[in-house]
Amino acid sequence: VQLQAFGGGLVQAGGSLRLTCSASGATSSIKGMGWYRQAPGKERELVATITTRGDTNYADSVEGRFTISRDIVKNTVFLQMNDLAPEDTAVYYCHAILWPDDDTWGQGTLVTVSS
């Protein structure tokens, strides 16, 4: 499975961005997808995940501001980010959990939020 993420950019605090992650290849092996982020000097952290059943999970720091969704037909996952804050500045990575016990990462997309 290959993941391609895009949609990052520069936005002012309070603004919105939507990230997109498109999966290709053996997409039938995908059990779940999600977004992680890594800010400068910090470890990579979970942002949001969504299972093939549509169950979602969010980091406390983004709950209520970010929404993860998916287009099953197009094998695409979205991350709608609203009310962005400077602390949301990071490289955002798409991630997929694969059957039976594997995972894969997409390239990062940079989100920069100015104050």
N, C-alpha and C. Protein backbone atom coordinates (compact mmCIF):
# COMPACT_ATOMS: atom_id res chain seq x y z
N VAL A 1 0.84 -1.19 0.00
CA VAL A 1 0.00 0.00 0.00
C VAL A 1 0.88 1.24 0.00
N GLN A 2 0.54 2.18 -0.86
CA GLN A 2 1.25 3.46 -0.89
C GLN A 2 0.28 4.56 -0.49
N LEU A 3 0.78 5.49 0.32
CA LEU A 3 -0.04 6.60 0.81
C LEU A 3 0.54 7.90 0.30
N GLN A 4 -0.33 8.75 -0.20
CA GLN A 4 0.10 10.06 -0.66
C GLN A 4 -0.74 11.12 0.05
N ALA A 5 -0.05 11.96 0.79
CA ALA A 5 -0.72 12.99 1.57
C ALA A 5 -0.45 14.37 0.99
N PHE A 6 -1.45 15.20 1.03
CA PHE A 6 -1.28 16.57 0.57
C PHE A 6 -2.33 17.46 1.22
N GLY A 7 -2.15 18.76 1.04
CA GLY A 7 -3.11 19.71 1.59
C GLY A 7 -2.55 20.64 2.64
N GLY A 8 -1.30 20.44 3.04
CA GLY A 8 -0.71 21.33 4.03
C GLY A 8 -0.46 22.71 3.46
N GLY A 9 -0.06 23.60 4.32
CA GLY A 9 0.22 24.96 3.88
C GLY A 9 0.34 25.89 5.05
N LEU A 10 0.34 27.18 4.74
CA LEU A 10 0.45 28.23 5.75
C LEU A 10 -0.93 28.85 5.96
N VAL A 11 -1.31 28.96 7.21
CA VAL A 11 -2.62 29.52 7.54
C VAL A 11 -2.49 30.34 8.82
N GLN A 12 -3.33 31.34 8.95
CA GLN A 12 -3.32 32.14 10.17
C GLN A 12 -4.08 31.43 11.27
N ALA A 13 -3.76 31.77 12.48
CA ALA A 13 -4.46 31.20 13.63
C ALA A 13 -5.96 31.46 13.50
N GLY A 14 -6.73 30.43 13.80
CA GLY A 14 -8.17 30.51 13.64
C GLY A 14 -8.66 30.02 12.30
N GLY A 15 -7.75 29.80 11.38
CA GLY A 15 -8.10 29.36 10.05
C GLY A 15 -8.31 27.85 9.95
N SER A 16 -8.54 27.39 8.73
CA SER A 16 -8.83 25.98 8.49
C SER A 16 -8.00 25.45 7.33
N LEU A 17 -7.74 24.17 7.39
CA LEU A 17 -7.11 23.44 6.30
C LEU A 17 -7.72 22.06 6.24
N ARG A 18 -7.67 21.45 5.07
CA ARG A 18 -8.10 20.07 4.93
C ARG A 18 -6.97 19.26 4.31
N LEU A 19 -6.56 18.24 5.02
CA LEU A 19 -5.55 17.33 4.51
C LEU A 19 -6.22 16.13 3.85
N THR A 20 -5.57 15.62 2.82
CA THR A 20 -6.07 14.46 2.10
C THR A 20 -4.99 13.40 2.02
N CYS A 21 -5.38 12.16 2.21
CA CYS A 21 -4.45 11.03 2.08
C CYS A 21 -5.10 10.00 1.16
N SER A 22 -4.45 9.74 0.04
CA SER A 22 -4.96 8.77 -0.92
C SER A 22 -4.13 7.50 -0.86
N ALA A 23 -4.79 6.37 -0.77
CA ALA A 23 -4.13 5.08 -0.71
C ALA A 23 -4.23 4.38 -2.05
N SER A 24 -3.16 3.69 -2.41
CA SER A 24 -3.16 2.92 -3.65
C SER A 24 -2.45 1.60 -3.39
N GLY A 25 -2.60 0.67 -4.31
CA GLY A 25 -1.99 -0.64 -4.15
C GLY A 25 -3.00 -1.62 -3.56
N ALA A 26 -2.52 -2.43 -2.62
CA ALA A 26 -3.34 -3.47 -2.00
C ALA A 26 -4.25 -2.88 -0.92
N THR A 27 -5.15 -2.01 -1.33
CA THR A 27 -5.96 -1.27 -0.36
C THR A 27 -6.94 -2.15 0.40
N SER A 28 -7.21 -3.34 -0.11
CA SER A 28 -8.11 -4.25 0.62
C SER A 28 -7.49 -4.73 1.92
N SER A 29 -6.20 -4.54 2.09
CA SER A 29 -5.52 -4.96 3.31
C SER A 29 -5.58 -3.90 4.41
N ILE A 30 -6.14 -2.75 4.12
CA ILE A 30 -6.17 -1.65 5.09
C ILE A 30 -7.23 -1.93 6.17
N LYS A 31 -6.80 -1.90 7.41
CA LYS A 31 -7.71 -2.09 8.55
C LYS A 31 -8.12 -0.76 9.16
N GLY A 32 -7.28 0.22 8.99
CA GLY A 32 -7.58 1.54 9.55
C GLY A 32 -6.57 2.54 9.04
N MET A 33 -6.94 3.80 9.10
CA MET A 33 -6.03 4.86 8.68
C MET A 33 -6.06 6.00 9.68
N GLY A 34 -5.06 6.82 9.62
CA GLY A 34 -5.02 7.92 10.56
C GLY A 34 -4.00 8.96 10.19
N TRP A 35 -3.96 9.97 11.03
CA TRP A 35 -3.01 11.06 10.88
C TRP A 35 -2.19 11.19 12.16
N TYR A 36 -0.91 11.40 11.97
CA TYR A 36 0.00 11.71 13.05
C TYR A 36 0.69 13.01 12.70
N ARG A 37 1.30 13.62 13.69
CA ARG A 37 2.05 14.84 13.40
C ARG A 37 3.32 14.90 14.25
N GLN A 38 4.29 15.62 13.73
CA GLN A 38 5.55 15.79 14.45
C GLN A 38 5.97 17.24 14.34
N ALA A 39 5.99 17.88 15.49
CA ALA A 39 6.44 19.27 15.56
C ALA A 39 7.95 19.31 15.75
N PRO A 40 8.60 20.40 15.40
CA PRO A 40 10.05 20.50 15.55
C PRO A 40 10.49 20.20 16.97
N GLY A 41 11.44 19.30 17.12
CA GLY A 41 11.97 18.96 18.42
C GLY A 41 11.09 18.08 19.28
N LYS A 42 9.99 17.61 18.71
CA LYS A 42 9.07 16.77 19.47
C LYS A 42 8.91 15.42 18.80
N GLU A 43 8.35 14.48 19.56
CA GLU A 43 8.10 13.16 19.01
C GLU A 43 6.81 13.17 18.16
N ARG A 44 6.74 12.21 17.29
CA ARG A 44 5.53 12.06 16.49
C ARG A 44 4.38 11.64 17.40
N GLU A 45 3.22 12.26 17.19
CA GLU A 45 2.08 11.96 18.03
C GLU A 45 0.84 11.70 17.19
N LEU A 46 -0.07 10.93 17.76
CA LEU A 46 -1.31 10.62 17.09
C LEU A 46 -2.21 11.85 17.06
N VAL A 47 -2.87 12.06 15.93
CA VAL A 47 -3.84 13.14 15.80
C VAL A 47 -5.25 12.56 15.77
N ALA A 48 -5.48 11.65 14.82
CA ALA A 48 -6.81 11.06 14.68
C ALA A 48 -6.71 9.78 13.88
N THR A 49 -7.61 8.85 14.16
CA THR A 49 -7.66 7.60 13.42
C THR A 49 -9.10 7.27 13.06
N ILE A 50 -9.25 6.45 12.03
CA ILE A 50 -10.57 5.98 11.62
C ILE A 50 -10.43 4.54 11.14
N THR A 51 -11.33 3.68 11.60
CA THR A 51 -11.29 2.29 11.21
C THR A 51 -12.12 2.07 9.95
N THR A 52 -12.05 0.86 9.43
CA THR A 52 -12.86 0.54 8.25
C THR A 52 -14.35 0.56 8.59
N ARG A 53 -14.67 0.44 9.87
CA ARG A 53 -16.08 0.52 10.27
C ARG A 53 -16.52 1.97 10.46
N GLY A 54 -15.56 2.88 10.45
CA GLY A 54 -15.91 4.28 10.63
C GLY A 54 -15.74 4.79 12.04
N ASP A 55 -15.23 3.95 12.93
CA ASP A 55 -14.98 4.38 14.30
C ASP A 55 -13.80 5.35 14.31
N THR A 56 -13.94 6.43 15.05
CA THR A 56 -12.91 7.46 15.06
C THR A 56 -12.33 7.63 16.45
N ASN A 57 -11.11 8.16 16.49
CA ASN A 57 -10.43 8.43 17.74
C ASN A 57 -9.60 9.69 17.54
N TYR A 58 -9.60 10.57 18.54
CA TYR A 58 -8.89 11.84 18.42
C TYR A 58 -7.98 12.08 19.62
N ALA A 59 -6.90 12.77 19.37
CA ALA A 59 -6.09 13.26 20.48
C ALA A 59 -6.89 14.34 21.20
N ASP A 60 -6.69 14.41 22.51
CA ASP A 60 -7.42 15.41 23.31
C ASP A 60 -7.19 16.82 22.78
N SER A 61 -5.99 17.07 22.30
CA SER A 61 -5.62 18.42 21.88
C SER A 61 -6.36 18.89 20.62
N VAL A 62 -6.94 17.96 19.87
CA VAL A 62 -7.63 18.34 18.63
C VAL A 62 -9.12 18.04 18.67
N GLU A 63 -9.56 17.35 19.71
CA GLU A 63 -10.97 16.99 19.83
C GLU A 63 -11.85 18.23 19.72
N GLY A 64 -12.85 18.15 18.85
CA GLY A 64 -13.76 19.28 18.69
C GLY A 64 -13.31 20.28 17.63
N ARG A 65 -12.06 20.19 17.22
CA ARG A 65 -11.56 21.12 16.18
C ARG A 65 -11.25 20.40 14.88
N PHE A 66 -10.78 19.16 15.00
CA PHE A 66 -10.41 18.38 13.83
C PHE A 66 -11.45 17.28 13.61
N THR A 67 -11.66 16.94 12.34
CA THR A 67 -12.56 15.85 12.00
C THR A 67 -11.91 14.97 10.95
N ILE A 68 -11.84 13.68 11.25
CA ILE A 68 -11.32 12.72 10.28
C ILE A 68 -12.50 12.04 9.60
N SER A 69 -12.38 11.85 8.30
CA SER A 69 -13.44 11.19 7.54
C SER A 69 -12.81 10.40 6.40
N ARG A 70 -13.63 9.62 5.71
CA ARG A 70 -13.07 8.77 4.67
C ARG A 70 -14.03 8.63 3.50
N ASP A 71 -13.46 8.35 2.35
CA ASP A 71 -14.21 8.00 1.15
C ASP A 71 -13.76 6.58 0.81
N ILE A 72 -14.59 5.61 1.16
CA ILE A 72 -14.21 4.21 0.98
C ILE A 72 -13.97 3.88 -0.48
N VAL A 73 -14.80 4.40 -1.35
CA VAL A 73 -14.70 4.09 -2.78
C VAL A 73 -13.37 4.56 -3.35
N LYS A 74 -12.96 5.75 -2.91
CA LYS A 74 -11.72 6.34 -3.43
C LYS A 74 -10.50 6.02 -2.57
N ASN A 75 -10.70 5.22 -1.51
CA ASN A 75 -9.58 4.87 -0.62
C ASN A 75 -8.84 6.12 -0.14
N THR A 76 -9.62 7.07 0.31
CA THR A 76 -9.06 8.36 0.71
C THR A 76 -9.55 8.73 2.10
N VAL A 77 -8.66 9.32 2.86
CA VAL A 77 -8.99 9.80 4.20
C VAL A 77 -8.70 11.29 4.26
N PHE A 78 -9.58 12.00 4.94
CA PHE A 78 -9.44 13.45 5.05
C PHE A 78 -9.27 13.84 6.52
N LEU A 79 -8.61 14.95 6.72
CA LEU A 79 -8.53 15.55 8.05
C LEU A 79 -8.91 17.01 7.91
N GLN A 80 -10.10 17.34 8.35
CA GLN A 80 -10.55 18.72 8.36
C GLN A 80 -10.09 19.36 9.65
N MET A 81 -9.31 20.40 9.54
CA MET A 81 -8.73 21.06 10.70
C MET A 81 -9.29 22.48 10.78
N ASN A 82 -10.02 22.75 11.83
CA ASN A 82 -10.61 24.07 12.04
C ASN A 82 -10.02 24.72 13.28
N ASP A 83 -10.17 26.02 13.36
CA ASP A 83 -9.69 26.78 14.51
C ASP A 83 -8.24 26.43 14.82
N LEU A 84 -7.43 26.47 13.80
CA LEU A 84 -6.03 26.10 13.96
C LEU A 84 -5.29 27.09 14.86
N ALA A 85 -4.34 26.55 15.59
CA ALA A 85 -3.53 27.34 16.51
C ALA A 85 -2.05 27.12 16.20
N PRO A 86 -1.20 28.06 16.61
CA PRO A 86 0.24 27.89 16.33
C PRO A 86 0.80 26.56 16.81
N GLU A 87 0.26 26.03 17.89
CA GLU A 87 0.77 24.75 18.40
C GLU A 87 0.36 23.57 17.52
N ASP A 88 -0.46 23.80 16.53
CA ASP A 88 -0.78 22.76 15.56
C ASP A 88 0.26 22.68 14.45
N THR A 89 1.20 23.60 14.45
CA THR A 89 2.25 23.60 13.44
C THR A 89 3.08 22.32 13.56
N ALA A 90 3.17 21.59 12.45
CA ALA A 90 3.87 20.31 12.46
C ALA A 90 3.87 19.73 11.05
N VAL A 91 4.66 18.70 10.88
CA VAL A 91 4.55 17.88 9.68
C VAL A 91 3.51 16.81 9.99
N TYR A 92 2.52 16.71 9.14
CA TYR A 92 1.44 15.74 9.33
C TYR A 92 1.68 14.54 8.42
N TYR A 93 1.56 13.36 9.01
CA TYR A 93 1.81 12.12 8.30
C TYR A 93 0.55 11.27 8.26
N CYS A 94 0.31 10.69 7.11
CA CYS A 94 -0.77 9.72 6.96
C CYS A 94 -0.23 8.33 7.31
N HIS A 95 -1.07 7.54 7.94
CA HIS A 95 -0.65 6.21 8.38
C HIS A 95 -1.77 5.21 8.11
N ALA A 96 -1.40 4.00 7.76
CA ALA A 96 -2.38 2.94 7.55
C ALA A 96 -1.95 1.68 8.28
N ILE A 97 -2.91 1.03 8.92
CA ILE A 97 -2.69 -0.27 9.54
C ILE A 97 -3.18 -1.31 8.55
N LEU A 98 -2.32 -2.29 8.31
CA LEU A 98 -2.59 -3.27 7.27
C LEU A 98 -2.78 -4.66 7.85
N TRP A 99 -3.64 -5.44 7.16
CA TRP A 99 -3.82 -6.85 7.49
C TRP A 99 -2.63 -7.63 6.99
N PRO A 100 -2.11 -8.63 7.74
CA PRO A 100 -2.57 -9.01 9.06
C PRO A 100 -1.90 -8.25 10.19
N ASP A 101 -0.66 -7.82 10.01
CA ASP A 101 0.04 -7.16 11.11
C ASP A 101 1.17 -6.31 10.57
N ASP A 102 0.81 -5.24 9.89
CA ASP A 102 1.80 -4.39 9.27
C ASP A 102 1.24 -2.97 9.25
N ASP A 103 2.09 -2.05 8.88
CA ASP A 103 1.63 -0.68 8.72
C ASP A 103 2.51 0.03 7.70
N THR A 104 2.05 1.19 7.28
CA THR A 104 2.82 1.97 6.32
C THR A 104 2.55 3.45 6.53
N TRP A 105 3.52 4.26 6.13
CA TRP A 105 3.43 5.71 6.30
C TRP A 105 3.50 6.40 4.94
N GLY A 106 2.81 7.51 4.85
CA GLY A 106 2.95 8.37 3.69
C GLY A 106 4.01 9.43 3.96
N GLN A 107 4.31 10.20 2.95
CA GLN A 107 5.24 11.31 3.15
C GLN A 107 4.52 12.40 3.94
N GLY A 108 5.22 13.22 4.61
CA GLY A 108 4.59 14.25 5.42
C GLY A 108 4.16 15.45 4.61
N THR A 109 3.22 16.17 5.17
CA THR A 109 2.80 17.44 4.59
C THR A 109 2.85 18.49 5.69
N LEU A 110 3.50 19.60 5.41
CA LEU A 110 3.76 20.60 6.44
C LEU A 110 2.57 21.54 6.62
N VAL A 111 2.18 21.68 7.87
CA VAL A 111 1.16 22.64 8.25
C VAL A 111 1.81 23.69 9.14
N THR A 112 1.71 24.93 8.74
CA THR A 112 2.28 26.03 9.52
C THR A 112 1.16 27.02 9.86
N VAL A 113 1.00 27.26 11.16
CA VAL A 113 -0.04 28.18 11.63
C VAL A 113 0.64 29.39 12.24
N SER A 114 0.39 30.53 11.66
CA SER A 114 0.99 31.76 12.16
C SER A 114 0.07 32.44 13.16
N SER A 115 0.69 33.10 14.11
CA SER A 115 -0.11 33.78 15.16
C SER A 115 -0.48 35.19 14.75
